[in-house]
């Protein structure tokens, strides 16, 4: 009897940019909220969403650190113009 091959998911590539990650995350949330995905796809979508969220947070943290450096270690409050 042949062995069943384990199901493996191919990891998706790291997003090109914050904007592309955010766009993919928004599309993923919309698909999940539509309620039309099977349970297995919901789980896969949730996992991908968590990866994208981690990536976006890391990008925002990196930008915040760069701003602190540019402002001599002080993060100044943002005020809209």
PDB file of N, CA and C in Angstrom:
ATOM      1  N   UNK A   1       0.840  -1.170   0.000  1.00  0.00           N
ATOM      2  CA  UNK A   1       0.000   0.000   0.000  1.00  0.00           C
ATOM      3  C   UNK A   1       0.892   1.242   0.000  1.00  0.00           C
ATOM      4  N   UNK A   2       0.701   2.176  -0.937  1.00  0.00           N
ATOM      5  CA  UNK A   2       1.558   3.358  -1.006  1.00  0.00           C
ATOM      6  C   UNK A   2       1.286   4.297   0.154  1.00  0.00           C
ATOM      7  N   UNK A   3       2.355   4.917   0.588  1.00  0.00           N
ATOM      8  CA  UNK A   3       2.233   5.895   1.668  1.00  0.00           C
ATOM      9  C   UNK A   3       1.573   7.155   1.136  1.00  0.00           C
ATOM     10  N   UNK A   4       0.731   7.720   1.946  1.00  0.00           N
ATOM     11  CA  UNK A   4       0.120   8.996   1.574  1.00  0.00           C
ATOM     12  C   UNK A   4       1.145  10.091   1.797  1.00  0.00           C
ATOM     13  N   UNK A   5       1.309  10.918   0.802  1.00  0.00           N
ATOM     14  CA  UNK A   5       2.279  12.001   0.960  1.00  0.00           C
ATOM     15  C   UNK A   5       1.701  13.059   1.891  1.00  0.00           C
ATOM     16  N   UNK A   6       2.529  13.586   2.777  1.00  0.00           N
ATOM     17  CA  UNK A   6       2.027  14.600   3.693  1.00  0.00           C
ATOM     18  C   UNK A   6       1.634  15.852   2.926  1.00  0.00           C
ATOM     19  N   UNK A   7       0.582  16.467   3.385  1.00  0.00           N
ATOM     20  CA  UNK A   7       0.152  17.695   2.735  1.00  0.00           C
ATOM     21  C   UNK A   7       1.033  18.825   3.232  1.00  0.00           C
ATOM     22  N   UNK A   8       1.677  19.465   2.294  1.00  0.00           N
ATOM     23  CA  UNK A   8       2.524  20.595   2.645  1.00  0.00           C
ATOM     24  C   UNK A   8       2.040  21.800   1.883  1.00  0.00           C
ATOM     25  N   UNK A   9       2.115  22.903   2.533  1.00  0.00           N
ATOM     26  CA  UNK A   9       1.739  24.132   1.859  1.00  0.00           C
ATOM     27  C   UNK A   9       3.002  24.864   1.457  1.00  0.00           C
ATOM     28  N   UNK A  10       2.990  25.363   0.273  1.00  0.00           N
ATOM     29  CA  UNK A  10       4.132  26.123  -0.198  1.00  0.00           C
ATOM     30  C   UNK A  10       4.081  27.501   0.445  1.00  0.00           C
ATOM     31  N   UNK A  11       5.146  27.866   1.159  1.00  0.00           N
ATOM     32  CA  UNK A  11       5.112  29.184   1.780  1.00  0.00           C
ATOM     33  C   UNK A  11       5.097  30.273   0.719  1.00  0.00           C
ATOM     34  N   UNK A  12       4.264  31.260   0.951  1.00  0.00           N
ATOM     35  CA  UNK A  12       4.186  32.362   0.001  1.00  0.00           C
ATOM     36  C   UNK A  12       5.370  33.281   0.213  1.00  0.00           C
ATOM     37  N   UNK A  13       5.714  33.957  -0.838  1.00  0.00           N
ATOM     38  CA  UNK A  13       6.856  34.858  -0.799  1.00  0.00           C
ATOM     39  C   UNK A  13       6.579  36.039   0.126  1.00  0.00           C
ATOM     40  N   UNK A  14       7.653  36.611   0.596  1.00  0.00           N
ATOM     41  CA  UNK A  14       7.553  37.824   1.386  1.00  0.00           C
ATOM     42  C   UNK A  14       7.033  38.919   0.464  1.00  0.00           C
ATOM     43  N   UNK A  15       6.103  39.724   0.938  1.00  0.00           N
ATOM     44  CA  UNK A  15       5.551  40.780   0.077  1.00  0.00           C
ATOM     45  C   UNK A  15       6.627  41.727  -0.423  1.00  0.00           C
ATOM     46  N   UNK A  16       6.372  42.320  -1.581  1.00  0.00           N
ATOM     47  CA  UNK A  16       7.313  43.273  -2.174  1.00  0.00           C
ATOM     48  C   UNK A  16       7.432  44.532  -1.332  1.00  0.00           C
ATOM     49  N   UNK A  17       6.309  44.938  -0.752  1.00  0.00           N
ATOM     50  CA  UNK A  17       6.288  46.192  -0.010  1.00  0.00           C
ATOM     51  C   UNK A  17       5.173  46.152   1.021  1.00  0.00           C
ATOM     52  N   UNK A  18       5.174  47.163   1.883  1.00  0.00           N
ATOM     53  CA  UNK A  18       4.107  47.317   2.868  1.00  0.00           C
ATOM     54  C   UNK A  18       2.761  47.423   2.163  1.00  0.00           C
ATOM     55  N   UNK A  19       2.739  48.207   1.088  1.00  0.00           N
ATOM     56  CA  UNK A  19       1.494  48.434   0.369  1.00  0.00           C
ATOM     57  C   UNK A  19       0.942  47.147  -0.243  1.00  0.00           C
ATOM     58  N   UNK A  20       1.814  46.324  -0.806  1.00  0.00           N
ATOM     59  CA  UNK A  20       1.346  45.071  -1.399  1.00  0.00           C
ATOM     60  C   UNK A  20       0.873  44.100  -0.313  1.00  0.00           C
ATOM     61  N   UNK A  21       1.545  44.099   0.827  1.00  0.00           N
ATOM     62  CA  UNK A  21       1.117  43.246   1.936  1.00  0.00           C
ATOM     63  C   UNK A  21      -0.244  43.687   2.456  1.00  0.00           C
ATOM     64  N   UNK A  22      -0.429  44.979   2.583  1.00  0.00           N
ATOM     65  CA  UNK A  22      -1.701  45.506   3.061  1.00  0.00           C
ATOM     66  C   UNK A  22      -2.828  45.184   2.085  1.00  0.00           C
ATOM     67  N   UNK A  23      -2.551  45.310   0.801  1.00  0.00           N
ATOM     68  CA  UNK A  23      -3.554  45.005  -0.230  1.00  0.00           C
ATOM     69  C   UNK A  23      -3.943  43.528  -0.169  1.00  0.00           C
ATOM     70  N   UNK A  24      -2.948  42.653  -0.052  1.00  0.00           N
ATOM     71  CA  UNK A  24      -3.228  41.218   0.039  1.00  0.00           C
ATOM     72  C   UNK A  24      -4.019  40.907   1.309  1.00  0.00           C
ATOM     73  N   UNK A  25      -3.655  41.543   2.410  1.00  0.00           N
ATOM     74  CA  UNK A  25      -4.348  41.324   3.673  1.00  0.00           C
ATOM     75  C   UNK A  25      -5.803  41.779   3.581  1.00  0.00           C
ATOM     76  N   UNK A  26      -6.043  42.920   2.976  1.00  0.00           N
ATOM     77  CA  UNK A  26      -7.415  43.418   2.821  1.00  0.00           C
ATOM     78  C   UNK A  26      -8.248  42.472   1.957  1.00  0.00           C
ATOM     79  N   UNK A  27      -7.667  41.960   0.880  1.00  0.00           N
ATOM     80  CA  UNK A  27      -8.381  41.026   0.008  1.00  0.00           C
ATOM     81  C   UNK A  27      -8.678  39.726   0.750  1.00  0.00           C
ATOM     82  N   UNK A  28      -7.731  39.281   1.542  1.00  0.00           N
ATOM     83  CA  UNK A  28      -7.897  38.060   2.316  1.00  0.00           C
ATOM     84  C   UNK A  28      -9.020  38.214   3.343  1.00  0.00           C
ATOM     85  N   UNK A  29      -9.048  39.331   4.026  1.00  0.00           N
ATOM     86  CA  UNK A  29     -10.103  39.591   5.008  1.00  0.00           C
ATOM     87  C   UNK A  29     -11.470  39.643   4.322  1.00  0.00           C
ATOM     88  N   UNK A  30     -11.536  40.287   3.177  1.00  0.00           N
ATOM     89  CA  UNK A  30     -12.803  40.368   2.447  1.00  0.00           C
ATOM     90  C   UNK A  30     -13.300  38.976   2.052  1.00  0.00           C
ATOM     91  N   UNK A  31     -12.395  38.124   1.578  1.00  0.00           N
ATOM     92  CA  UNK A  31     -12.766  36.760   1.208  1.00  0.00           C
ATOM     93  C   UNK A  31     -13.267  35.980   2.424  1.00  0.00           C
ATOM     94  N   UNK A  32     -12.589  36.149   3.552  1.00  0.00           N
ATOM     95  CA  UNK A  32     -12.977  35.431   4.757  1.00  0.00           C
ATOM     96  C   UNK A  32     -14.324  35.937   5.287  1.00  0.00           C
ATOM     97  N   UNK A  33     -14.524  37.231   5.227  1.00  0.00           N
ATOM     98  CA  UNK A  33     -15.773  37.802   5.721  1.00  0.00           C
ATOM     99  C   UNK A  33     -16.960  37.445   4.834  1.00  0.00           C
ATOM    100  N   UNK A  34     -16.707  37.146   3.577  1.00  0.00           N
ATOM    101  CA  UNK A  34     -17.783  36.767   2.660  1.00  0.00           C
ATOM    102  C   UNK A  34     -18.415  35.435   3.072  1.00  0.00           C
ATOM    103  N   UNK A  35     -17.669  34.627   3.820  1.00  0.00           N
ATOM    104  CA  UNK A  35     -18.211  33.375   4.327  1.00  0.00           C
ATOM    105  C   UNK A  35     -18.344  32.279   3.298  1.00  0.00           C
ATOM    106  N   UNK A  36     -17.632  32.367   2.203  1.00  0.00           N
ATOM    107  CA  UNK A  36     -17.759  31.385   1.137  1.00  0.00           C
ATOM    108  C   UNK A  36     -16.572  30.416   1.064  1.00  0.00           C
ATOM    109  N   UNK A  37     -15.609  30.546   1.969  1.00  0.00           N
ATOM    110  CA  UNK A  37     -14.424  29.688   1.917  1.00  0.00           C
ATOM    111  C   UNK A  37     -14.632  28.431   2.755  1.00  0.00           C
ATOM    112  N   UNK A  38     -14.158  27.290   2.272  1.00  0.00           N
ATOM    113  CA  UNK A  38     -14.196  26.071   3.083  1.00  0.00           C
ATOM    114  C   UNK A  38     -13.282  26.222   4.308  1.00  0.00           C
ATOM    115  N   UNK A  39     -13.513  25.391   5.298  1.00  0.00           N
ATOM    116  CA  UNK A  39     -12.790  25.479   6.557  1.00  0.00           C
ATOM    117  C   UNK A  39     -11.275  25.415   6.365  1.00  0.00           C
ATOM    118  N   UNK A  40     -10.795  24.521   5.518  1.00  0.00           N
ATOM    119  CA  UNK A  40      -9.349  24.389   5.301  1.00  0.00           C
ATOM    120  C   UNK A  40      -8.765  25.687   4.734  1.00  0.00           C
ATOM    121  N   UNK A  41      -9.482  26.315   3.810  1.00  0.00           N
ATOM    122  CA  UNK A  41      -8.995  27.567   3.238  1.00  0.00           C
ATOM    123  C   UNK A  41      -9.060  28.701   4.262  1.00  0.00           C
ATOM    124  N   UNK A  42     -10.037  28.645   5.160  1.00  0.00           N
ATOM    125  CA  UNK A  42     -10.116  29.652   6.218  1.00  0.00           C
ATOM    126  C   UNK A  42      -8.877  29.575   7.114  1.00  0.00           C
ATOM    127  N   UNK A  43      -8.488  28.355   7.453  1.00  0.00           N
ATOM    128  CA  UNK A  43      -7.310  28.187   8.301  1.00  0.00           C
ATOM    129  C   UNK A  43      -6.053  28.674   7.591  1.00  0.00           C
ATOM    130  N   UNK A  44      -5.908  28.302   6.324  1.00  0.00           N
ATOM    131  CA  UNK A  44      -4.761  28.756   5.541  1.00  0.00           C
ATOM    132  C   UNK A  44      -4.773  30.272   5.405  1.00  0.00           C
ATOM    133  N   UNK A  45      -5.950  30.834   5.173  1.00  0.00           N
ATOM    134  CA  UNK A  45      -6.082  32.284   5.067  1.00  0.00           C
ATOM    135  C   UNK A  45      -5.728  32.989   6.363  1.00  0.00           C
ATOM    136  N   UNK A  46      -6.157  32.418   7.472  1.00  0.00           N
ATOM    137  CA  UNK A  46      -5.839  32.995   8.778  1.00  0.00           C
ATOM    138  C   UNK A  46      -4.331  32.999   9.005  1.00  0.00           C
ATOM    139  N   UNK A  47      -3.686  31.900   8.667  1.00  0.00           N
ATOM    140  CA  UNK A  47      -2.231  31.807   8.840  1.00  0.00           C
ATOM    141  C   UNK A  47      -1.512  32.830   7.968  1.00  0.00           C
ATOM    142  N   UNK A  48      -1.938  32.958   6.722  1.00  0.00           N
ATOM    143  CA  UNK A  48      -1.318  33.937   5.824  1.00  0.00           C
ATOM    144  C   UNK A  48      -1.574  35.352   6.334  1.00  0.00           C
ATOM    145  N   UNK A  49      -2.779  35.589   6.821  1.00  0.00           N
ATOM    146  CA  UNK A  49      -3.099  36.893   7.375  1.00  0.00           C
ATOM    147  C   UNK A  49      -2.208  37.244   8.555  1.00  0.00           C
ATOM    148  N   UNK A  50      -1.949  36.274   9.404  1.00  0.00           N
ATOM    149  CA  UNK A  50      -1.062  36.504  10.547  1.00  0.00           C
ATOM    150  C   UNK A  50       0.351  36.839  10.070  1.00  0.00           C
ATOM    151  N   UNK A  51       0.819  36.160   9.020  1.00  0.00           N
ATOM    152  CA  UNK A  51       2.145  36.447   8.459  1.00  0.00           C
ATOM    153  C   UNK A  51       2.191  37.875   7.898  1.00  0.00           C
ATOM    154  N   UNK A  52       1.143  38.242   7.168  1.00  0.00           N
ATOM    155  CA  UNK A  52       1.102  39.574   6.570  1.00  0.00           C
ATOM    156  C   UNK A  52       1.038  40.654   7.641  1.00  0.00           C
ATOM    157  N   UNK A  53       0.272  40.404   8.686  1.00  0.00           N
ATOM    158  CA  UNK A  53       0.165  41.367   9.774  1.00  0.00           C
ATOM    159  C   UNK A  53       1.514  41.547  10.471  1.00  0.00           C
ATOM    160  N   UNK A  54       2.214  40.458  10.690  1.00  0.00           N
ATOM    161  CA  UNK A  54       3.546  40.537  11.294  1.00  0.00           C
ATOM    162  C   UNK A  54       4.488  41.336  10.405  1.00  0.00           C
ATOM    163  N   UNK A  55       4.437  41.098   9.101  1.00  0.00           N
ATOM    164  CA  UNK A  55       5.276  41.832   8.159  1.00  0.00           C
ATOM    165  C   UNK A  55       4.959  43.327   8.204  1.00  0.00           C
ATOM    166  N   UNK A  56       3.674  43.666   8.169  1.00  0.00           N
ATOM    167  CA  UNK A  56       3.276  45.083   8.185  1.00  0.00           C
ATOM    168  C   UNK A  56       3.713  45.773   9.468  1.00  0.00           C
ATOM    169  N   UNK A  57       3.533  45.102  10.583  1.00  0.00           N
ATOM    170  CA  UNK A  57       3.963  45.685  11.867  1.00  0.00           C
ATOM    171  C   UNK A  57       5.466  45.904  11.896  1.00  0.00           C
ATOM    172  N   UNK A  58       6.221  44.949  11.369  1.00  0.00           N
ATOM    173  CA  UNK A  58       7.676  45.089  11.330  1.00  0.00           C
ATOM    174  C   UNK A  58       8.083  46.271  10.460  1.00  0.00           C
ATOM    175  N   UNK A  59       7.402  46.448   9.330  1.00  0.00           N
ATOM    176  CA  UNK A  59       7.710  47.580   8.457  1.00  0.00           C
ATOM    177  C   UNK A  59       7.412  48.907   9.151  1.00  0.00           C
ATOM    178  N   UNK A  60       6.280  48.977   9.830  1.00  0.00           N
ATOM    179  CA  UNK A  60       5.924  50.206  10.544  1.00  0.00           C
ATOM    180  C   UNK A  60       6.906  50.493  11.682  1.00  0.00           C
ATOM    181  N   UNK A  61       7.318  49.447  12.392  1.00  0.00           N
ATOM    182  CA  UNK A  61       8.306  49.627  13.459  1.00  0.00           C
ATOM    183  C   UNK A  61       9.629  50.132  12.907  1.00  0.00           C
ATOM    184  N   UNK A  62      10.039  49.604  11.755  1.00  0.00           N
ATOM    185  CA  UNK A  62      11.294  50.037  11.139  1.00  0.00           C
ATOM    186  C   UNK A  62      11.227  51.504  10.740  1.00  0.00           C
ATOM    187  N   UNK A  63      10.104  51.914  10.185  1.00  0.00           N
ATOM    188  CA  UNK A  63       9.949  53.314   9.795  1.00  0.00           C
ATOM    189  C   UNK A  63       9.953  54.205  11.036  1.00  0.00           C
ATOM    190  N   UNK A  64       9.284  53.754  12.088  1.00  0.00           N
ATOM    191  CA  UNK A  64       9.263  54.532  13.331  1.00  0.00           C
ATOM    192  C   UNK A  64      10.676  54.714  13.885  1.00  0.00           C
ATOM    193  N   UNK A  65      11.482  53.663  13.837  1.00  0.00           N
ATOM    194  CA  UNK A  65      12.856  53.760  14.318  1.00  0.00           C
ATOM    195  C   UNK A  65      13.671  54.733  13.462  1.00  0.00           C
ATOM    196  N   UNK A  66      13.447  54.729  12.162  1.00  0.00           N
ATOM    197  CA  UNK A  66      14.162  55.658  11.286  1.00  0.00           C
ATOM    198  C   UNK A  66      13.762  57.097  11.590  1.00  0.00           C
ATOM    199  N   UNK A  67      12.492  57.308  11.885  1.00  0.00           N
ATOM    200  CA  UNK A  67      12.028  58.655  12.227  1.00  0.00           C
ATOM    201  C   UNK A  67      12.666  59.108  13.529  1.00  0.00           C
ATOM    202  N   UNK A  68      12.778  58.204  14.494  1.00  0.00           N
ATOM    203  CA  UNK A  68      13.419  58.552  15.760  1.00  0.00           C
ATOM    204  C   UNK A  68      14.867  58.981  15.535  1.00  0.00           C
ATOM    205  N   UNK A  69      15.552  58.276  14.658  1.00  0.00           N
ATOM    206  CA  UNK A  69      16.941  58.625  14.356  1.00  0.00           C
ATOM    207  C   UNK A  69      16.999  60.007  13.717  1.00  0.00           C
ATOM    208  N   UNK A  70      16.113  60.247  12.777  1.00  0.00           N
ATOM    209  CA  UNK A  70      16.104  61.542  12.093  1.00  0.00           C
ATOM    210  C   UNK A  70      15.732  62.681  13.036  1.00  0.00           C
ATOM    211  N   UNK A  71      14.942  62.387  14.056  1.00  0.00           N
ATOM    212  CA  UNK A  71      14.521  63.404  15.021  1.00  0.00           C
ATOM    213  C   UNK A  71      15.347  63.350  16.306  1.00  0.00           C
ATOM    214  N   UNK A  72      16.577  62.865  16.208  1.00  0.00           N
ATOM    215  CA  UNK A  72      17.501  62.793  17.350  1.00  0.00           C
ATOM    216  C   UNK A  72      16.941  62.012  18.527  1.00  0.00           C
ATOM    217  N   UNK A  73      16.351  60.861  18.252  1.00  0.00           N
ATOM    218  CA  UNK A  73      15.897  59.971  19.298  1.00  0.00           C
ATOM    219  C   UNK A  73      14.535  60.271  19.871  1.00  0.00           C
ATOM    220  N   UNK A  74      13.859  61.273  19.385  1.00  0.00           N
ATOM    221  CA  UNK A  74      12.544  61.629  19.905  1.00  0.00           C
ATOM    222  C   UNK A  74      11.500  61.439  18.826  1.00  0.00           C
ATOM    223  N   UNK A  75      10.494  60.666  19.127  1.00  0.00           N
ATOM    224  CA  UNK A  75       9.390  60.493  18.195  1.00  0.00           C
ATOM    225  C   UNK A  75       8.391  61.613  18.465  1.00  0.00           C
ATOM    226  N   UNK A  76       8.262  62.492  17.516  1.00  0.00           N
ATOM    227  CA  UNK A  76       7.376  63.647  17.685  1.00  0.00           C
ATOM    228  C   UNK A  76       5.956  63.275  17.263  1.00  0.00           C
ATOM    229  N   UNK A  77       4.961  63.820  17.953  1.00  0.00           N
ATOM    230  CA  UNK A  77       3.581  63.515  17.556  1.00  0.00           C
ATOM    231  C   UNK A  77       3.281  64.054  16.162  1.00  0.00           C
ATOM    232  N   UNK A  78       2.518  63.281  15.425  1.00  0.00           N
ATOM    233  CA  UNK A  78       2.154  63.672  14.079  1.00  0.00           C
ATOM    234  C   UNK A  78       0.960  64.602  14.145  1.00  0.00           C
ATOM    235  N   UNK A  79       1.038  65.712  13.431  1.00  0.00           N
ATOM    236  CA  UNK A  79      -0.098  66.626  13.345  1.00  0.00           C
ATOM    237  C   UNK A  79      -0.403  66.841  11.881  1.00  0.00           C
ATOM    238  N   UNK A  80      -1.657  66.627  11.475  1.00  0.00           N
ATOM    239  CA  UNK A  80      -2.004  66.827  10.069  1.00  0.00           C
ATOM    240  C   UNK A  80      -1.896  68.283   9.683  1.00  0.00           C
ATOM    241  N   UNK A  81      -1.502  68.520   8.457  1.00  0.00           N
ATOM    242  CA  UNK A  81      -1.348  69.894   7.994  1.00  0.00           C
ATOM    243  C   UNK A  81      -2.601  70.385   7.335  1.00  0.00           C
TER     244      UNK A  81
END
